[in-house]
Amino acid sequence: MGKVECFSLPNLNLIFYSNDHLPAHFHVIGSKWEIKVYIETTTRSSLHYSIKWSRLRRKTPSAKSLRAIAAKVCDHRLQLLEEWERKVLCEL
């Protein structure tokens, strides 16, 4: 497991899991949920993600969090892909 290094967001853990699968993605863990964020298909207007788990039924990240994550992914896409290759792909 490796922490995302190219950016951070308050109160969220951003990680890559070793030996994870394609497509390139990272995990964002909040206090009551975890999502997978897909690096190559996220745009500023649409965060491409899936919910991995949620403690409360229908508990998902806030719209504000989703916008912040999408903006950071777009701003740091190249660095995220480089980290993915270094921390995940080399383990496959």
N, C-alpha and C. Protein backbone atom coordinates (compact mmCIF):
# COMPACT_ATOMS: atom_id res chain seq x y z
N MET A 1 0.85 -1.17 0.00
CA MET A 1 0.00 0.00 0.00
C MET A 1 0.90 1.23 0.00
N GLY A 2 0.51 2.23 -0.79
CA GLY A 2 1.29 3.45 -0.86
C GLY A 2 0.40 4.67 -0.86
N LYS A 3 0.80 5.65 -0.12
CA LYS A 3 0.05 6.90 -0.04
C LYS A 3 0.23 7.69 -1.32
N VAL A 4 -0.84 8.34 -1.78
CA VAL A 4 -0.73 9.26 -2.92
C VAL A 4 0.13 10.43 -2.46
N GLU A 5 1.18 10.71 -3.22
CA GLU A 5 2.14 11.75 -2.82
C GLU A 5 1.95 13.08 -3.54
N CYS A 6 1.35 13.08 -4.72
CA CYS A 6 1.33 14.30 -5.53
C CYS A 6 0.30 15.33 -5.06
N PHE A 7 -0.65 14.93 -4.23
CA PHE A 7 -1.58 15.89 -3.63
C PHE A 7 -2.24 15.26 -2.42
N SER A 8 -2.88 16.09 -1.63
CA SER A 8 -3.64 15.60 -0.47
C SER A 8 -4.91 16.43 -0.36
N LEU A 9 -5.85 15.91 0.40
CA LEU A 9 -7.10 16.62 0.68
C LEU A 9 -7.39 16.47 2.17
N PRO A 10 -7.86 17.53 2.81
CA PRO A 10 -8.12 17.46 4.25
C PRO A 10 -9.11 16.36 4.62
N ASN A 11 -8.81 15.64 5.68
CA ASN A 11 -9.69 14.61 6.26
C ASN A 11 -9.94 13.41 5.36
N LEU A 12 -9.13 13.24 4.32
CA LEU A 12 -9.27 12.08 3.44
C LEU A 12 -7.93 11.37 3.30
N ASN A 13 -7.97 10.05 3.27
CA ASN A 13 -6.77 9.25 3.01
C ASN A 13 -6.80 8.84 1.55
N LEU A 14 -5.71 9.08 0.84
CA LEU A 14 -5.59 8.77 -0.58
C LEU A 14 -4.50 7.73 -0.73
N ILE A 15 -4.86 6.54 -1.23
CA ILE A 15 -3.88 5.46 -1.28
C ILE A 15 -3.99 4.62 -2.55
N PHE A 16 -2.85 4.01 -2.89
CA PHE A 16 -2.79 2.97 -3.90
C PHE A 16 -2.61 1.65 -3.16
N TYR A 17 -3.32 0.61 -3.57
CA TYR A 17 -3.09 -0.72 -3.00
C TYR A 17 -2.10 -1.47 -3.88
N SER A 18 -1.09 -2.06 -3.26
CA SER A 18 -0.14 -2.89 -3.99
C SER A 18 -0.87 -4.07 -4.62
N ASN A 19 -0.39 -4.50 -5.77
CA ASN A 19 -0.98 -5.65 -6.48
C ASN A 19 -2.44 -5.44 -6.83
N ASP A 20 -2.86 -4.19 -7.01
CA ASP A 20 -4.24 -3.90 -7.39
C ASP A 20 -4.40 -4.15 -8.89
N HIS A 21 -5.55 -3.95 -9.41
CA HIS A 21 -5.89 -4.30 -10.79
C HIS A 21 -6.02 -3.05 -11.66
N LEU A 22 -6.01 -3.27 -12.95
CA LEU A 22 -6.31 -2.22 -13.92
C LEU A 22 -7.82 -2.00 -13.94
N PRO A 23 -8.31 -0.86 -14.36
CA PRO A 23 -7.62 0.33 -14.85
C PRO A 23 -6.97 1.11 -13.71
N ALA A 24 -6.10 2.03 -14.09
CA ALA A 24 -5.37 2.83 -13.10
C ALA A 24 -6.36 3.59 -12.22
N HIS A 25 -6.22 3.41 -10.91
CA HIS A 25 -7.10 4.08 -9.96
C HIS A 25 -6.40 4.18 -8.61
N PHE A 26 -6.99 4.97 -7.73
CA PHE A 26 -6.54 5.03 -6.35
C PHE A 26 -7.77 5.05 -5.47
N HIS A 27 -7.57 4.85 -4.19
CA HIS A 27 -8.67 4.78 -3.24
C HIS A 27 -8.69 6.04 -2.38
N VAL A 28 -9.89 6.54 -2.14
CA VAL A 28 -10.08 7.68 -1.25
C VAL A 28 -10.94 7.17 -0.10
N ILE A 29 -10.43 7.34 1.12
CA ILE A 29 -11.12 6.83 2.29
C ILE A 29 -11.53 8.00 3.17
N GLY A 30 -12.84 8.12 3.36
CA GLY A 30 -13.40 9.10 4.29
C GLY A 30 -13.78 8.39 5.58
N SER A 31 -14.40 9.09 6.49
CA SER A 31 -14.74 8.48 7.78
C SER A 31 -15.83 7.42 7.67
N LYS A 32 -16.69 7.51 6.64
CA LYS A 32 -17.81 6.57 6.53
C LYS A 32 -17.93 5.91 5.17
N TRP A 33 -16.90 6.03 4.35
CA TRP A 33 -16.96 5.45 3.01
C TRP A 33 -15.56 5.30 2.42
N GLU A 34 -15.50 4.48 1.37
CA GLU A 34 -14.28 4.36 0.55
C GLU A 34 -14.72 4.28 -0.90
N ILE A 35 -14.04 5.05 -1.75
CA ILE A 35 -14.32 5.01 -3.18
C ILE A 35 -13.05 4.71 -3.95
N LYS A 36 -13.23 4.15 -5.15
CA LYS A 36 -12.13 3.98 -6.11
C LYS A 36 -12.29 5.09 -7.14
N VAL A 37 -11.22 5.82 -7.38
CA VAL A 37 -11.23 6.93 -8.34
C VAL A 37 -10.40 6.53 -9.55
N TYR A 38 -11.02 6.58 -10.72
CA TYR A 38 -10.36 6.17 -11.96
C TYR A 38 -9.64 7.37 -12.58
N ILE A 39 -8.34 7.24 -12.70
CA ILE A 39 -7.48 8.37 -13.06
C ILE A 39 -7.69 8.85 -14.49
N GLU A 40 -7.71 7.94 -15.43
CA GLU A 40 -7.72 8.34 -16.84
C GLU A 40 -9.07 8.83 -17.34
N THR A 41 -10.15 8.45 -16.70
CA THR A 41 -11.48 8.80 -17.22
C THR A 41 -12.18 9.90 -16.42
N THR A 42 -11.54 10.41 -15.38
CA THR A 42 -12.11 11.52 -14.62
C THR A 42 -11.91 12.82 -15.39
N THR A 43 -12.93 13.67 -15.37
CA THR A 43 -12.82 15.01 -15.95
C THR A 43 -13.16 16.02 -14.85
N ARG A 44 -12.94 17.29 -15.14
CA ARG A 44 -13.27 18.32 -14.14
C ARG A 44 -14.76 18.31 -13.81
N SER A 45 -15.58 18.00 -14.78
CA SER A 45 -17.02 18.05 -14.55
C SER A 45 -17.60 16.71 -14.08
N SER A 46 -16.79 15.65 -14.12
CA SER A 46 -17.32 14.33 -13.75
C SER A 46 -16.23 13.44 -13.16
N LEU A 47 -16.32 13.22 -11.86
CA LEU A 47 -15.41 12.29 -11.20
C LEU A 47 -15.87 10.88 -11.51
N HIS A 48 -15.00 10.09 -12.13
CA HIS A 48 -15.33 8.69 -12.42
C HIS A 48 -14.88 7.87 -11.21
N TYR A 49 -15.85 7.33 -10.48
CA TYR A 49 -15.55 6.59 -9.26
C TYR A 49 -16.58 5.51 -9.03
N SER A 50 -16.23 4.59 -8.14
CA SER A 50 -17.19 3.59 -7.67
C SER A 50 -17.05 3.49 -6.16
N ILE A 51 -18.15 3.17 -5.51
CA ILE A 51 -18.15 3.05 -4.06
C ILE A 51 -17.65 1.65 -3.69
N LYS A 52 -16.62 1.61 -2.87
CA LYS A 52 -16.09 0.32 -2.42
C LYS A 52 -16.85 -0.16 -1.19
N TRP A 53 -17.07 0.74 -0.24
CA TRP A 53 -17.89 0.41 0.93
C TRP A 53 -18.43 1.70 1.55
N SER A 54 -19.48 1.51 2.32
CA SER A 54 -20.10 2.63 3.03
C SER A 54 -20.67 2.11 4.33
N ARG A 55 -20.39 2.79 5.43
CA ARG A 55 -20.92 2.35 6.73
C ARG A 55 -22.42 2.56 6.83
N LEU A 56 -22.88 3.63 6.26
CA LEU A 56 -24.30 3.93 6.29
C LEU A 56 -24.87 3.75 4.90
N ARG A 57 -26.04 3.19 4.83
CA ARG A 57 -26.66 3.00 3.53
C ARG A 57 -26.78 4.34 2.80
N ARG A 58 -26.37 4.34 1.58
CA ARG A 58 -26.42 5.53 0.72
C ARG A 58 -25.50 6.66 1.18
N LYS A 59 -24.57 6.40 2.08
CA LYS A 59 -23.61 7.43 2.49
C LYS A 59 -22.51 7.50 1.45
N THR A 60 -22.37 8.64 0.83
CA THR A 60 -21.36 8.85 -0.20
C THR A 60 -20.64 10.16 0.08
N PRO A 61 -19.54 10.40 -0.61
CA PRO A 61 -18.84 11.67 -0.43
C PRO A 61 -19.75 12.85 -0.79
N SER A 62 -19.52 13.97 -0.15
CA SER A 62 -20.31 15.17 -0.46
C SER A 62 -19.98 15.66 -1.86
N ALA A 63 -20.88 16.43 -2.42
CA ALA A 63 -20.65 17.02 -3.75
C ALA A 63 -19.38 17.88 -3.73
N LYS A 64 -19.15 18.58 -2.64
CA LYS A 64 -17.96 19.41 -2.51
C LYS A 64 -16.69 18.54 -2.56
N SER A 65 -16.70 17.41 -1.86
CA SER A 65 -15.55 16.50 -1.89
C SER A 65 -15.34 15.93 -3.28
N LEU A 66 -16.42 15.54 -3.95
CA LEU A 66 -16.30 14.98 -5.30
C LEU A 66 -15.69 16.00 -6.27
N ARG A 67 -16.12 17.25 -6.17
CA ARG A 67 -15.55 18.31 -7.03
C ARG A 67 -14.07 18.53 -6.73
N ALA A 68 -13.72 18.53 -5.45
CA ALA A 68 -12.32 18.74 -5.07
C ALA A 68 -11.44 17.59 -5.56
N ILE A 69 -11.92 16.37 -5.43
CA ILE A 69 -11.15 15.21 -5.90
C ILE A 69 -10.98 15.28 -7.41
N ALA A 70 -12.06 15.56 -8.14
CA ALA A 70 -11.99 15.65 -9.61
C ALA A 70 -10.98 16.70 -10.05
N ALA A 71 -11.00 17.86 -9.40
CA ALA A 71 -10.06 18.93 -9.77
C ALA A 71 -8.62 18.50 -9.53
N LYS A 72 -8.36 17.86 -8.40
CA LYS A 72 -7.00 17.40 -8.10
C LYS A 72 -6.54 16.32 -9.07
N VAL A 73 -7.44 15.40 -9.43
CA VAL A 73 -7.08 14.35 -10.39
C VAL A 73 -6.70 14.99 -11.73
N CYS A 74 -7.48 15.94 -12.18
CA CYS A 74 -7.19 16.60 -13.46
C CYS A 74 -5.89 17.39 -13.40
N ASP A 75 -5.66 18.07 -12.29
CA ASP A 75 -4.43 18.86 -12.13
C ASP A 75 -3.18 18.00 -12.01
N HIS A 76 -3.32 16.77 -11.53
CA HIS A 76 -2.17 15.91 -11.23
C HIS A 76 -2.22 14.57 -11.96
N ARG A 77 -2.94 14.50 -13.06
CA ARG A 77 -3.14 13.22 -13.75
C ARG A 77 -1.81 12.53 -14.10
N LEU A 78 -0.88 13.26 -14.69
CA LEU A 78 0.40 12.65 -15.08
C LEU A 78 1.15 12.11 -13.87
N GLN A 79 1.20 12.89 -12.79
CA GLN A 79 1.88 12.43 -11.58
C GLN A 79 1.19 11.21 -10.98
N LEU A 80 -0.14 11.20 -11.01
CA LEU A 80 -0.88 10.04 -10.49
C LEU A 80 -0.57 8.78 -11.30
N LEU A 81 -0.52 8.92 -12.62
CA LEU A 81 -0.21 7.76 -13.46
C LEU A 81 1.22 7.27 -13.22
N GLU A 82 2.14 8.20 -13.00
CA GLU A 82 3.52 7.81 -12.69
C GLU A 82 3.58 7.08 -11.34
N GLU A 83 2.84 7.58 -10.35
CA GLU A 83 2.79 6.91 -9.05
C GLU A 83 2.15 5.53 -9.19
N TRP A 84 1.07 5.43 -9.97
CA TRP A 84 0.41 4.14 -10.20
C TRP A 84 1.41 3.13 -10.76
N GLU A 85 2.17 3.54 -11.77
CA GLU A 85 3.16 2.63 -12.36
C GLU A 85 4.21 2.22 -11.35
N ARG A 86 4.67 3.15 -10.55
CA ARG A 86 5.73 2.88 -9.58
C ARG A 86 5.24 2.04 -8.40
N LYS A 87 4.03 2.31 -7.93
CA LYS A 87 3.56 1.68 -6.70
C LYS A 87 2.66 0.47 -6.91
N VAL A 88 2.03 0.37 -8.07
CA VAL A 88 1.07 -0.71 -8.29
C VAL A 88 1.49 -1.59 -9.45
N LEU A 89 1.68 -1.00 -10.61
CA LEU A 89 1.93 -1.78 -11.82
C LEU A 89 3.19 -2.63 -11.70
N CYS A 90 4.21 -2.10 -11.07
CA CYS A 90 5.45 -2.87 -10.93
C CYS A 90 5.25 -4.08 -10.03
N GLU A 91 4.19 -4.10 -9.23
CA GLU A 91 3.91 -5.21 -8.33
C GLU A 91 3.10 -6.32 -9.00
N LEU A 92 2.45 -6.01 -10.14
CA LEU A 92 1.58 -7.00 -10.78
C LEU A 92 2.36 -8.12 -11.41
